[in-house]
Amino acid sequence: MIFEPIPPALALLLGGALIGILRGHARSAMVLLAPLLTLWLVWLVPDGVALDIQFLDYRIEPLEGSPVRRLFATAFALMAFVGGLFAYRQAKWHELAAAHIYAAGAIGVCFAGDLITLFIFWELMALFSTVVVWCGGSPGARAAGIRYAIMHLLGGVILKVGIEGVAVHTGSIDVQAMLAGNFDAAMILTGILINAAAPPVSAWLSDSYPESSPTGSVFLSAFTTKTAVLALILLFPGEPLLIGIGLFMVMYGIIYALLENNIRRILAFSIVNQVGFMVCAVGIGTEMAINGAAAHAFAHIIYKALLFMSAGVVVHRTGLNRCSDVGGLFRTMPLTAICGIVGALAISGFPLTSGFTTKTLISQAAANEAMVFVYFTLAAASAGVFLHAGIKFPWFVFFQRDSGLRPKDAPWNMAAAMLMFAFLCVLLGVAPELLYRFLPYPVDYDAYAPDKVLFYLQLLLFSGLAFFLLLPLMRRTRTISLDADWLWRVLLFEAARRAYGVLGWMGARAAKALMRISNRLRRLAARHMSTSSDGQRSGVFARTWPIGTTAIWIAILLTSYVFVYYL
């Protein structure tokens, strides 16, 4: 190459800074051009270490290319562009700036060749994603942002402990495969799983994403959890523990999404569910499984953003967040409804959509390794996804009983963004080889084998039949689903409040007891050391003692001390 490659994250970092400086059409142009420039730079990064810096005794590698790194970086840059198009006319400038720097952190993680660089961009994401949450502007958004920041800073500290341990014990900070067989690797894995929203520390996602603005939640849906998936692919491929964690995430997300009434919280729980597929695939660790995790992450970024765009338009136009408050919106929002349905079919893995061509890669990888329980659990989970995201979300928002609302359809920029991602959902479903060719390993897989298509059609259609047969039970009310965060947000807080009250009561009692003892000592001292009113000394210690008596007492005390000392 004639020129040294430029870290693509720098383009988005600079773009985010300029968004805050520029005004008017120049700012709008920067919102769209910075991601496109970043995308161009992503594909200029060659395989291997393209940039290294000596720092103390370590070799810092801020730019290392590989097929899986470029695939994730491409998805992130594409998301920054389409998300910017969706948001630039409605979002505030500081939300757009924070979102671009947030995306820059994700792309920086993609190309980090060492753990120090990875950690720096990891924390950059945590900082500016918190700002995106705060841009929701409501008291709930501010409180959720604080809880979000606390959780991610805790995860960052845990990750940093693991990185320092690896650096000290191995002398290497390279990003390379490892197993969680020691304390250092376990700390790194724990820090990554917090960002992946693995239960029981996943409530930060469903707590904060729905509180952000309708545009902010689109950006939030794309970066944090998927960078965690990439980190797992790079650092922990084939880690058996991830299979169990992934399966738990899959079922956890389904159950809570089915119970939920908030439109965007349904989609937030489904992020946990879909990331569970990817985590499980990383745990399987074969070439097909890693391909499945990478491909499904790419497709998920697109269809999940599309679903959040559809929900965001509804919230933007109506100001309502609950399924029970809306319904019949397809009458005046047909484009939003159609795009939401496309996203819902894609997340459900319906044939001819991107979710089918990527999710079935993971199931096939499990079947190839004779993991029968894993295979059937993922198949059941696909039916569950169709229940909560494929049918529940579009049905209750757009087609249930008429709520009487007649909002306008999406503004032109939001509509254009949704149409782009809806087109990609269908394109990658109809022509999956367009994506397969960029996966980290060669792909020898036919997604549209007749038996496979028939199996998934039966699975999804019977799942849909079950939904409508049980429709009265599916209707949501104004309820709250308790999650694991109840333990520290309610139970721990209440325990701390009561403990503070008990300690305060004990302190008051102790103060009163000390006051009584002090008063008694004062009276005792006054009785033995005070003088009488006529000036004559009356207390035993206030009297004038004869020298002989004083000498006798000194002799007695000295004798007693010597006796005790030699006893």
Protein backbone atom coordinates (compact mmCIF):
# COMPACT_ATOMS: atom_id res chain seq x y z
CA MET A 1 0.00 0.00 0.00
CA ILE A 2 1.19 3.50 -0.79
CA PHE A 3 -0.25 4.96 2.40
CA GLU A 4 -0.35 3.52 5.85
CA PRO A 5 -3.91 2.42 6.71
CA ILE A 6 -5.84 4.80 8.95
CA PRO A 7 -7.79 3.40 11.92
CA PRO A 8 -11.43 3.67 10.78
CA ALA A 9 -12.57 4.61 14.29
CA LEU A 10 -10.74 7.93 13.93
CA ALA A 11 -13.11 9.01 11.15
CA LEU A 12 -16.16 8.54 13.34
CA LEU A 13 -14.43 10.12 16.33
CA LEU A 14 -13.64 13.19 14.25
CA GLY A 15 -17.14 13.15 12.78
CA GLY A 16 -18.70 13.05 16.23
CA ALA A 17 -16.58 16.02 17.33
CA LEU A 18 -17.48 18.01 14.19
CA ILE A 19 -21.19 17.35 14.65
CA GLY A 20 -20.99 19.41 17.81
CA ILE A 21 -19.19 22.26 16.03
CA LEU A 22 -21.01 22.46 12.69
CA ARG A 23 -24.49 23.83 12.16
CA GLY A 24 -27.34 23.40 9.68
CA HIS A 25 -26.76 21.44 6.49
CA ALA A 26 -23.06 21.03 7.26
CA ARG A 27 -23.94 19.11 10.44
CA SER A 28 -26.46 16.96 8.56
CA ALA A 29 -23.85 16.18 5.91
CA MET A 30 -21.33 15.20 8.58
CA VAL A 31 -23.85 12.83 10.20
CA LEU A 32 -24.05 10.90 6.93
CA LEU A 33 -20.58 11.33 5.45
CA ALA A 34 -18.53 10.29 8.50
CA PRO A 35 -19.96 6.72 8.53
CA LEU A 36 -19.47 6.39 4.76
CA LEU A 37 -15.84 7.46 5.09
CA THR A 38 -15.47 4.99 7.94
CA LEU A 39 -16.92 2.19 5.81
CA TRP A 40 -14.39 2.96 3.07
CA LEU A 41 -11.53 2.90 5.59
CA VAL A 42 -12.78 -0.41 7.01
CA TRP A 43 -12.19 -2.12 3.69
CA LEU A 44 -8.73 -0.64 3.35
CA VAL A 45 -7.53 -2.47 6.47
CA PRO A 46 -5.47 -5.52 5.40
CA ASP A 47 -5.31 -8.83 7.24
CA GLY A 48 -2.82 -8.94 10.08
CA VAL A 49 -1.36 -6.17 12.22
CA ALA A 50 -1.39 -2.95 10.17
CA LEU A 51 -0.29 -0.53 12.90
CA ASP A 52 1.68 -1.04 16.10
CA ILE A 53 3.08 1.27 18.78
CA GLN A 54 5.58 0.55 21.53
CA PHE A 55 4.19 1.52 24.93
CA LEU A 56 6.38 0.78 27.98
CA ASP A 57 7.21 -2.92 27.67
CA TYR A 58 4.16 -3.73 25.55
CA ARG A 59 3.40 -3.65 21.84
CA ILE A 60 0.13 -1.82 21.26
CA GLU A 61 -1.70 -2.89 18.09
CA PRO A 62 -4.60 -0.47 17.48
CA LEU A 63 -5.23 -1.82 13.98
CA GLU A 64 -5.38 -5.52 13.18
CA GLY A 65 -7.49 -6.80 10.31
CA SER A 66 -9.22 -10.13 9.71
CA PRO A 67 -12.42 -11.20 7.91
CA VAL A 68 -14.53 -11.39 11.07
CA ARG A 69 -13.25 -8.02 12.28
CA ARG A 70 -14.10 -6.36 8.96
CA LEU A 71 -17.53 -8.00 8.91
CA PHE A 72 -18.49 -6.56 12.30
CA ALA A 73 -16.94 -3.18 11.50
CA THR A 74 -18.90 -3.06 8.25
CA ALA A 75 -22.13 -3.71 10.10
CA PHE A 76 -21.31 -1.00 12.64
CA ALA A 77 -20.42 1.59 10.00
CA LEU A 78 -23.56 0.73 8.03
CA MET A 79 -25.59 1.05 11.21
CA ALA A 80 -24.06 4.46 11.97
CA PHE A 81 -25.03 5.69 8.49
CA VAL A 82 -28.61 4.36 8.42
CA GLY A 83 -29.12 5.27 12.09
CA GLY A 84 -27.90 8.78 11.34
CA LEU A 85 -30.31 9.04 8.41
CA PHE A 86 -33.13 7.87 10.68
CA ALA A 87 -32.27 10.33 13.45
CA TYR A 88 -30.68 13.47 12.05
CA ARG A 89 -33.89 15.52 11.61
CA GLN A 90 -35.38 14.53 14.98
CA ALA A 91 -32.45 13.93 17.36
CA LYS A 92 -30.57 16.65 19.19
CA TRP A 93 -27.01 17.41 18.09
CA HIS A 94 -25.45 16.04 21.29
CA GLU A 95 -27.28 12.72 20.81
CA LEU A 96 -25.98 12.45 17.26
CA ALA A 97 -22.44 13.33 18.35
CA ALA A 98 -22.53 10.83 21.22
CA ALA A 99 -23.97 8.13 18.96
CA HIS A 100 -21.17 8.56 16.42
CA ILE A 101 -18.46 8.41 19.08
CA TYR A 102 -20.25 5.39 20.55
CA ALA A 103 -20.09 3.74 17.12
CA ALA A 104 -16.42 4.73 16.86
CA GLY A 105 -15.76 2.85 20.10
CA ALA A 106 -17.41 -0.27 18.65
CA ILE A 107 -15.32 -0.07 15.47
CA GLY A 108 -12.20 0.53 17.58
CA VAL A 109 -12.92 -2.72 19.44
CA CYS A 110 -13.31 -4.51 16.10
CA PHE A 111 -9.75 -3.74 15.04
CA ALA A 112 -8.06 -3.86 18.47
CA GLY A 113 -5.13 -6.25 18.27
CA ASP A 114 -4.25 -5.98 21.96
CA LEU A 115 -6.20 -5.98 25.20
CA ILE A 116 -5.22 -2.43 26.18
CA THR A 117 -6.62 -0.93 22.97
CA LEU A 118 -9.70 -3.10 23.34
CA PHE A 119 -10.24 -1.83 26.89
CA ILE A 120 -9.86 1.83 25.90
CA PHE A 121 -12.48 1.61 23.15
CA TRP A 122 -14.64 -0.59 25.39
CA GLU A 123 -14.83 2.18 27.99
CA LEU A 124 -15.36 4.80 25.28
CA MET A 125 -18.49 2.88 24.30
CA ALA A 126 -19.67 2.74 27.91
CA LEU A 127 -19.22 6.48 28.38
CA PHE A 128 -20.96 7.70 25.24
CA SER A 129 -23.72 5.08 25.26
CA THR A 130 -24.61 6.45 28.69
CA VAL A 131 -24.88 9.91 27.13
CA VAL A 132 -27.21 8.45 24.46
CA VAL A 133 -29.44 7.04 27.22
CA TRP A 134 -29.49 10.40 29.01
CA CYS A 135 -30.56 12.08 25.79
CA GLY A 136 -33.97 10.53 26.42
CA GLY A 137 -34.49 13.69 28.44
CA SER A 138 -36.95 12.30 30.99
CA PRO A 139 -36.37 11.67 34.72
CA GLY A 140 -36.63 7.96 33.94
CA ALA A 141 -33.90 8.28 31.31
CA ARG A 142 -31.59 10.10 33.72
CA ALA A 143 -32.08 7.48 36.44
CA ALA A 144 -31.72 4.59 33.97
CA GLY A 145 -28.56 6.21 32.59
CA ILE A 146 -26.99 6.31 36.04
CA ARG A 147 -27.80 2.63 36.62
CA TYR A 148 -26.49 1.83 33.13
CA ALA A 149 -23.23 3.67 33.81
CA ILE A 150 -22.73 1.94 37.16
CA MET A 151 -23.21 -1.51 35.62
CA HIS A 152 -20.87 -0.86 32.70
CA LEU A 153 -18.21 0.77 34.82
CA LEU A 154 -18.36 -2.28 37.09
CA GLY A 155 -18.00 -4.51 34.03
CA GLY A 156 -15.07 -2.38 32.87
CA VAL A 157 -13.32 -2.74 36.22
CA ILE A 158 -13.77 -6.52 36.12
CA LEU A 159 -12.44 -6.62 32.55
CA LYS A 160 -9.46 -4.46 33.54
CA VAL A 161 -8.61 -6.78 36.45
CA GLY A 162 -8.55 -9.72 34.04
CA ILE A 163 -6.43 -7.87 31.48
CA GLU A 164 -3.90 -6.83 34.12
CA GLY A 165 -3.73 -10.41 35.38
CA VAL A 166 -3.09 -11.75 31.89
CA ALA A 167 -0.43 -9.11 31.26
CA VAL A 168 1.37 -9.86 34.54
CA HIS A 169 1.17 -13.65 34.39
CA THR A 170 1.80 -14.21 30.68
CA GLY A 171 3.68 -11.07 29.66
CA SER A 172 1.40 -10.78 26.59
CA ILE A 173 -1.53 -8.47 25.88
CA ASP A 174 -2.36 -9.86 22.43
CA VAL A 175 -5.99 -10.55 21.59
CA GLN A 176 -5.88 -14.32 21.21
CA ALA A 177 -8.03 -17.33 22.02
CA MET A 178 -8.14 -18.51 25.63
CA LEU A 179 -10.27 -20.60 27.96
CA ALA A 180 -11.76 -19.46 31.23
CA GLY A 181 -9.64 -21.92 33.20
CA ASN A 182 -7.99 -19.40 35.52
CA PHE A 183 -8.92 -16.29 37.45
CA ASP A 184 -7.59 -13.80 34.89
CA ALA A 185 -9.46 -15.30 31.94
CA ALA A 186 -12.59 -15.71 34.06
CA MET A 187 -12.52 -11.99 34.88
CA ILE A 188 -12.19 -11.09 31.21
CA LEU A 189 -15.06 -13.43 30.32
CA THR A 190 -17.23 -11.95 33.08
CA GLY A 191 -16.57 -8.40 31.91
CA ILE A 192 -17.50 -9.32 28.35
CA LEU A 193 -20.66 -11.18 29.40
CA ILE A 194 -21.87 -8.10 31.28
CA ASN A 195 -21.78 -6.20 27.97
CA ALA A 196 -23.43 -9.17 26.27
CA ALA A 197 -26.35 -8.77 28.72
CA ALA A 198 -26.04 -12.31 30.05
CA PRO A 199 -28.41 -12.91 33.00
CA PRO A 200 -28.44 -12.26 35.89
CA VAL A 201 -26.75 -8.98 34.90
CA SER A 202 -28.86 -8.29 31.80
CA ALA A 203 -31.47 -5.98 33.31
CA TRP A 204 -29.41 -2.90 32.39
CA LEU A 205 -30.49 -3.44 28.78
CA SER A 206 -34.25 -3.66 29.28
CA ASP A 207 -34.02 -0.89 31.88
CA SER A 208 -32.17 1.71 29.79
CA TYR A 209 -32.96 1.15 26.10
CA PRO A 210 -36.71 1.87 26.39
CA GLU A 211 -35.97 5.04 28.38
CA SER A 212 -33.81 6.56 25.67
CA SER A 213 -35.23 8.66 22.86
CA PRO A 214 -36.97 6.94 19.91
CA THR A 215 -33.83 7.59 17.86
CA GLY A 216 -31.33 6.79 20.60
CA SER A 217 -32.69 3.28 21.15
CA VAL A 218 -31.91 2.48 17.49
CA PHE A 219 -28.20 3.17 18.04
CA LEU A 220 -28.17 1.39 21.40
CA SER A 221 -29.62 -1.78 19.88
CA ALA A 222 -26.63 -2.26 17.58
CA PHE A 223 -23.27 -1.81 19.25
CA THR A 224 -22.75 -2.87 22.87
CA THR A 225 -24.00 -6.46 22.79
CA LYS A 226 -22.56 -7.19 19.34
CA THR A 227 -19.08 -5.94 20.24
CA ALA A 228 -19.31 -8.37 23.16
CA VAL A 229 -20.13 -11.17 20.71
CA LEU A 230 -17.09 -10.24 18.61
CA ALA A 231 -14.92 -10.19 21.73
CA LEU A 232 -16.15 -13.69 22.59
CA ILE A 233 -15.36 -14.89 19.06
CA LEU A 234 -11.82 -13.50 19.28
CA LEU A 235 -11.06 -14.48 22.89
CA PHE A 236 -13.22 -17.46 23.87
CA PRO A 237 -14.14 -19.60 20.84
CA GLY A 238 -15.10 -23.09 21.96
CA GLU A 239 -15.55 -22.15 25.64
CA PRO A 240 -18.05 -24.84 26.83
CA LEU A 241 -19.52 -22.58 29.51
CA LEU A 242 -20.90 -20.31 26.80
CA ILE A 243 -23.25 -23.00 25.49
CA GLY A 244 -25.21 -23.12 28.74
CA ILE A 245 -25.14 -19.35 29.16
CA GLY A 246 -26.38 -18.87 25.59
CA LEU A 247 -29.26 -21.31 26.00
CA PHE A 248 -30.31 -19.63 29.23
CA MET A 249 -30.24 -16.22 27.52
CA VAL A 250 -32.38 -17.60 24.70
CA MET A 251 -35.17 -18.81 27.00
CA TYR A 252 -34.89 -15.88 29.41
CA GLY A 253 -35.43 -13.34 26.63
CA ILE A 254 -38.49 -15.18 25.32
CA ILE A 255 -40.23 -15.45 28.69
CA TYR A 256 -39.73 -11.83 29.67
CA ALA A 257 -40.66 -10.53 26.20
CA LEU A 258 -43.93 -12.48 26.34
CA LEU A 259 -44.73 -10.93 29.73
CA GLU A 260 -43.86 -7.38 28.71
CA ASN A 261 -46.25 -4.59 27.75
CA ASN A 262 -43.80 -1.81 26.84
CA ILE A 263 -43.21 -1.80 23.06
CA ARG A 264 -39.47 -1.14 23.15
CA ARG A 265 -38.92 -3.30 26.22
CA ILE A 266 -40.28 -6.28 24.27
CA LEU A 267 -37.60 -5.63 21.67
CA ALA A 268 -34.97 -5.09 24.37
CA PHE A 269 -35.64 -8.52 25.86
CA SER A 270 -35.50 -10.03 22.38
CA ILE A 271 -31.95 -8.64 22.05
CA VAL A 272 -30.96 -10.85 24.98
CA ASN A 273 -32.69 -13.76 23.29
CA GLN A 274 -30.93 -13.25 19.96
CA VAL A 275 -27.51 -12.64 21.51
CA GLY A 276 -28.05 -15.95 23.30
CA PHE A 277 -28.02 -17.71 19.90
CA MET A 278 -24.66 -16.08 19.13
CA VAL A 279 -23.14 -16.84 22.54
CA CYS A 280 -24.19 -20.48 22.22
CA ALA A 281 -22.61 -20.65 18.75
CA VAL A 282 -19.33 -19.25 20.09
CA GLY A 283 -19.43 -21.92 22.79
CA ILE A 284 -19.83 -24.66 20.17
CA GLY A 285 -16.71 -23.22 18.59
CA THR A 286 -16.57 -25.06 15.26
CA GLU A 287 -15.96 -23.19 12.00
CA MET A 288 -19.63 -23.42 11.05
CA ALA A 289 -20.69 -22.23 14.51
CA ILE A 290 -18.33 -19.23 14.39
CA ASN A 291 -19.63 -18.44 10.90
CA GLY A 292 -23.15 -18.67 12.30
CA ALA A 293 -22.38 -16.35 15.22
CA ALA A 294 -20.77 -13.75 12.93
CA ALA A 295 -23.47 -13.96 10.26
CA HIS A 296 -26.30 -13.84 12.78
CA ALA A 297 -24.72 -10.83 14.50
CA PHE A 298 -24.56 -9.02 11.15
CA ALA A 299 -28.18 -9.84 10.33
CA HIS A 300 -29.31 -9.05 13.87
CA ILE A 301 -27.84 -5.55 13.77
CA ILE A 302 -29.96 -4.84 10.70
CA TYR A 303 -33.30 -6.40 11.62
CA LYS A 304 -33.16 -5.35 15.26
CA ALA A 305 -32.44 -1.75 14.27
CA LEU A 306 -35.36 -2.01 11.81
CA LEU A 307 -37.66 -3.16 14.62
CA PHE A 308 -36.50 -0.36 16.91
CA MET A 309 -36.99 2.10 14.05
CA SER A 310 -40.56 0.90 13.58
CA ALA A 311 -41.23 1.12 17.31
CA GLY A 312 -39.44 4.46 17.47
CA VAL A 313 -41.70 5.94 14.78
CA VAL A 314 -44.75 4.80 16.78
CA VAL A 315 -43.40 6.38 19.96
CA HIS A 316 -42.35 9.53 18.06
CA ARG A 317 -45.79 9.97 16.46
CA THR A 318 -48.02 8.92 19.38
CA GLY A 319 -45.92 9.57 22.49
CA LEU A 320 -47.14 6.19 23.82
CA ASN A 321 -44.97 3.25 24.85
CA ARG A 322 -47.38 0.48 25.83
CA CYS A 323 -49.00 -2.13 23.63
CA SER A 324 -52.21 -1.71 25.60
CA ASP A 325 -52.41 1.96 24.61
CA VAL A 326 -52.01 1.56 20.85
CA GLY A 327 -53.57 -0.58 18.15
CA GLY A 328 -54.94 -0.31 14.66
CA LEU A 329 -52.10 1.96 13.59
CA PHE A 330 -51.70 0.24 10.22
CA ARG A 331 -54.58 2.43 8.95
CA THR A 332 -52.46 5.58 8.97
CA MET A 333 -48.93 4.10 9.30
CA PRO A 334 -48.82 1.41 6.58
CA LEU A 335 -45.14 1.88 5.70
CA THR A 336 -44.06 1.66 9.35
CA ALA A 337 -46.24 -1.43 9.77
CA ILE A 338 -44.82 -3.16 6.69
CA CYS A 339 -41.22 -2.47 7.72
CA GLY A 340 -41.99 -3.66 11.25
CA ILE A 341 -43.43 -6.89 9.84
CA VAL A 342 -40.32 -7.46 7.70
CA GLY A 343 -38.13 -7.02 10.77
CA ALA A 344 -40.42 -9.31 12.78
CA LEU A 345 -40.21 -12.05 10.15
CA ALA A 346 -36.43 -11.68 9.97
CA ILE A 347 -35.91 -11.97 13.72
CA SER A 348 -38.17 -15.04 13.71
CA GLY A 349 -36.02 -16.78 11.10
CA PHE A 350 -38.79 -16.95 8.51
CA PRO A 351 -37.64 -18.32 5.12
CA LEU A 352 -36.60 -15.67 2.57
CA THR A 353 -35.40 -13.34 5.33
CA SER A 354 -31.89 -12.82 6.69
CA GLY A 355 -32.70 -14.37 10.06
CA PHE A 356 -33.44 -17.72 8.44
CA THR A 357 -30.17 -17.89 6.50
CA THR A 358 -28.05 -17.00 9.52
CA LYS A 359 -29.85 -18.57 12.47
CA THR A 360 -30.07 -21.97 10.79
CA LEU A 361 -26.27 -21.95 10.44
CA ILE A 362 -26.08 -22.11 14.24
CA SER A 363 -28.65 -24.90 14.49
CA GLN A 364 -26.84 -26.89 11.82
CA ALA A 365 -23.54 -26.45 13.68
CA ALA A 366 -25.17 -27.96 16.78
CA ALA A 367 -26.58 -30.83 14.72
CA ASN A 368 -23.19 -31.52 13.15
CA GLU A 369 -21.70 -31.95 16.63
CA ALA A 370 -24.55 -34.27 17.72
CA MET A 371 -25.71 -31.74 20.33
CA VAL A 372 -29.30 -32.94 20.34
CA PHE A 373 -30.45 -30.95 23.38
CA VAL A 374 -28.87 -27.76 22.05
CA TYR A 375 -30.43 -28.26 18.61
CA PHE A 376 -33.98 -28.80 19.89
CA THR A 377 -33.68 -26.00 22.44
CA LEU A 378 -32.69 -23.58 19.67
CA ALA A 379 -35.55 -24.87 17.52
CA ALA A 380 -38.03 -24.31 20.37
CA ALA A 381 -36.54 -20.89 20.92
CA SER A 382 -37.16 -20.02 17.26
CA ALA A 383 -40.85 -20.73 17.83
CA GLY A 384 -40.76 -18.59 20.96
CA VAL A 385 -39.16 -15.71 19.05
CA PHE A 386 -41.97 -15.88 16.50
CA LEU A 387 -44.46 -15.60 19.37
CA HIS A 388 -43.06 -12.50 21.07
CA ALA A 389 -41.37 -10.59 18.22
CA GLY A 390 -42.71 -12.09 15.04
CA ILE A 391 -46.40 -11.84 15.96
CA LYS A 392 -46.90 -10.10 19.31
CA PHE A 393 -45.08 -6.89 18.45
CA PRO A 394 -46.75 -6.16 15.06
CA TRP A 395 -50.13 -7.54 16.12
CA PHE A 396 -50.63 -5.49 19.27
CA VAL A 397 -49.05 -2.33 17.86
CA PHE A 398 -50.56 -2.27 14.37
CA PHE A 399 -53.47 -4.73 14.13
CA GLN A 400 -55.20 -5.29 17.47
CA ARG A 401 -58.42 -3.47 18.40
CA ASP A 402 -58.56 0.07 17.09
CA SER A 403 -57.26 2.53 19.66
CA GLY A 404 -58.71 5.49 17.81
CA LEU A 405 -55.26 6.95 17.20
CA ARG A 406 -54.60 8.36 13.73
CA PRO A 407 -50.96 9.43 13.69
CA LYS A 408 -49.06 10.28 10.52
CA ASP A 409 -46.68 7.78 9.02
CA ALA A 410 -42.91 8.10 9.36
CA PRO A 411 -41.13 11.28 8.23
CA TRP A 412 -39.27 10.82 4.95
CA ASN A 413 -35.83 10.31 6.52
CA MET A 414 -37.13 7.70 8.96
CA ALA A 415 -39.01 5.98 6.14
CA ALA A 416 -35.90 5.91 3.95
CA ALA A 417 -33.83 4.36 6.75
CA MET A 418 -36.44 1.68 7.41
CA LEU A 419 -36.75 0.83 3.72
CA MET A 420 -32.98 0.39 3.42
CA PHE A 421 -32.82 -2.11 6.25
CA ALA A 422 -36.03 -3.86 5.18
CA PHE A 423 -34.47 -4.33 1.73
CA LEU A 424 -31.30 -5.79 3.28
CA CYS A 425 -33.35 -8.18 5.44
CA VAL A 426 -34.97 -9.58 2.31
CA LEU A 427 -31.83 -9.44 0.13
CA LEU A 428 -29.72 -11.44 2.61
CA GLY A 429 -32.56 -13.91 2.92
CA VAL A 430 -33.00 -14.40 -0.82
CA ALA A 431 -29.28 -14.30 -1.67
CA PRO A 432 -27.41 -15.41 1.48
CA GLU A 433 -24.18 -15.99 -0.47
CA LEU A 434 -23.76 -12.19 -0.50
CA LEU A 435 -23.09 -12.45 3.22
CA TYR A 436 -21.56 -15.94 3.35
CA ARG A 437 -18.64 -14.90 1.15
CA PHE A 438 -17.41 -12.48 3.84
CA LEU A 439 -17.56 -14.89 6.78
CA PRO A 440 -14.31 -15.91 8.51
CA TYR A 441 -14.36 -19.52 7.21
CA PRO A 442 -15.46 -21.08 3.90
CA VAL A 443 -19.19 -21.87 3.87
CA ASP A 444 -20.49 -25.20 2.62
CA TYR A 445 -24.14 -24.91 3.60
CA ASP A 446 -27.47 -24.89 1.79
CA ALA A 447 -29.94 -22.88 3.85
CA TYR A 448 -32.83 -23.76 1.53
CA ALA A 449 -32.68 -27.53 1.65
CA PRO A 450 -36.35 -28.60 1.32
CA ASP A 451 -36.47 -30.53 4.60
CA LYS A 452 -35.03 -27.56 6.48
CA VAL A 453 -37.48 -25.08 4.96
CA LEU A 454 -40.42 -27.39 5.66
CA PHE A 455 -39.29 -27.94 9.26
CA TYR A 456 -39.05 -24.23 10.02
CA LEU A 457 -42.28 -23.37 8.22
CA GLN A 458 -44.13 -25.97 10.29
CA LEU A 459 -42.48 -24.74 13.46
CA LEU A 460 -43.28 -21.09 12.88
CA LEU A 461 -46.80 -21.55 11.51
CA PHE A 462 -47.87 -23.77 14.40
CA SER A 463 -46.32 -21.23 16.75
CA GLY A 464 -48.47 -18.57 15.11
CA LEU A 465 -51.56 -20.77 15.48
CA ALA A 466 -50.81 -21.18 19.18
CA PHE A 467 -50.57 -17.40 19.55
CA PHE A 468 -54.01 -16.74 18.14
CA LEU A 469 -55.59 -19.64 20.03
CA LEU A 470 -54.15 -18.23 23.26
CA LEU A 471 -54.75 -14.61 22.30
CA PRO A 472 -56.81 -13.77 25.42
CA LEU A 473 -53.84 -14.84 27.56
CA MET A 474 -51.43 -12.81 25.43
CA ARG A 475 -53.15 -9.49 26.00
CA ARG A 476 -50.99 -7.29 28.18
CA THR A 477 -52.03 -5.13 31.10
CA ARG A 478 -50.24 -2.42 33.06
CA THR A 479 -48.02 -4.78 35.01
CA ILE A 480 -44.35 -4.80 35.99
CA SER A 481 -42.14 -7.85 35.47
CA LEU A 482 -39.58 -8.28 38.22
CA ASP A 483 -36.08 -9.06 37.02
CA ALA A 484 -32.83 -9.89 38.80
CA ASP A 485 -32.13 -6.19 39.25
CA TRP A 486 -34.91 -6.23 41.88
CA LEU A 487 -32.31 -7.78 44.19
CA TRP A 488 -30.13 -4.65 44.23
CA ARG A 489 -32.58 -1.95 43.19
CA VAL A 490 -35.24 -2.91 45.77
CA LEU A 491 -34.11 -5.65 48.16
CA LEU A 492 -30.56 -4.40 48.68
CA PHE A 493 -31.72 -0.77 48.85
CA GLU A 494 -34.40 -1.62 51.38
CA ALA A 495 -31.95 -3.70 53.42
CA ALA A 496 -29.45 -0.82 53.37
CA ARG A 497 -32.17 1.65 54.38
CA ARG A 498 -33.28 -0.52 57.29
CA ALA A 499 -29.67 -1.20 58.32
CA TYR A 500 -29.05 2.56 58.30
CA GLY A 501 -32.11 3.04 60.49
CA VAL A 502 -30.97 0.35 62.94
CA LEU A 503 -27.46 1.81 63.08
CA GLY A 504 -28.92 5.26 63.63
CA TRP A 505 -31.07 3.95 66.50
CA MET A 506 -28.09 2.13 68.02
CA GLY A 507 -25.98 5.28 67.65
CA ALA A 508 -28.60 7.38 69.40
CA ARG A 509 -28.85 4.86 72.24
CA ALA A 510 -25.07 4.71 72.53
CA ALA A 511 -24.88 8.53 72.62
CA LYS A 512 -27.43 8.63 75.41
CA ALA A 513 -25.53 5.96 77.35
CA LEU A 514 -22.26 7.85 76.92
CA MET A 515 -23.97 11.04 78.09
CA ARG A 516 -25.20 9.29 81.23
CA ILE A 517 -21.75 7.86 81.94
CA SER A 518 -20.18 11.27 81.33
CA ASN A 519 -22.60 12.93 83.75
CA ARG A 520 -21.91 10.33 86.42
CA LEU A 521 -18.14 10.76 86.01
CA ARG A 522 -18.59 14.52 86.19
CA ARG A 523 -20.57 14.24 89.44
CA LEU A 524 -18.03 11.79 90.84
CA ALA A 525 -15.17 14.10 89.95
CA ALA A 526 -16.99 17.05 91.48
CA ARG A 527 -17.58 15.13 94.70
CA HIS A 528 -13.98 14.04 95.13
CA MET A 529 -12.14 17.00 93.65
CA SER A 530 -14.32 20.06 94.33
CA THR A 531 -13.91 22.56 97.19
CA SER A 532 -16.51 23.69 99.63
CA SER A 533 -18.34 27.01 99.33
CA ASP A 534 -16.23 28.57 102.08
CA GLY A 535 -13.08 27.88 100.15
CA GLN A 536 -12.01 24.91 102.24
CA ARG A 537 -11.09 21.83 100.21
CA SER A 538 -13.65 19.10 100.78
CA GLY A 539 -13.03 16.42 98.12
CA VAL A 540 -10.68 13.59 99.00
CA PHE A 541 -8.39 14.46 96.05
CA ALA A 542 -8.67 18.16 96.73
CA ARG A 543 -7.35 17.96 100.28
CA THR A 544 -3.80 18.75 101.40
CA TRP A 545 -2.22 15.51 102.53
CA PRO A 546 0.72 15.31 104.96
CA ILE A 547 4.03 14.34 103.41
CA GLY A 548 4.23 11.22 105.53
CA THR A 549 0.85 9.93 104.38
CA THR A 550 1.77 10.60 100.75
CA ALA A 551 5.04 8.68 101.17
CA ILE A 552 3.18 5.70 102.66
CA TRP A 553 0.81 5.54 99.68
CA ILE A 554 3.69 5.77 97.23
CA ALA A 555 5.44 2.90 98.97
CA ILE A 556 2.25 0.78 98.92
CA LEU A 557 1.69 1.39 95.19
CA LEU A 558 5.32 0.65 94.33
CA THR A 559 5.30 -2.58 96.34
CA SER A 560 2.05 -3.66 94.65
CA TYR A 561 3.51 -2.98 91.18
CA VAL A 562 6.69 -4.99 91.92
CA PHE A 563 4.62 -7.86 93.30
CA VAL A 564 2.35 -7.99 90.24
CA TYR A 565 5.31 -7.64 87.82
CA TYR A 566 7.19 -10.68 89.30
CA LEU A 567 4.09 -12.79 89.89
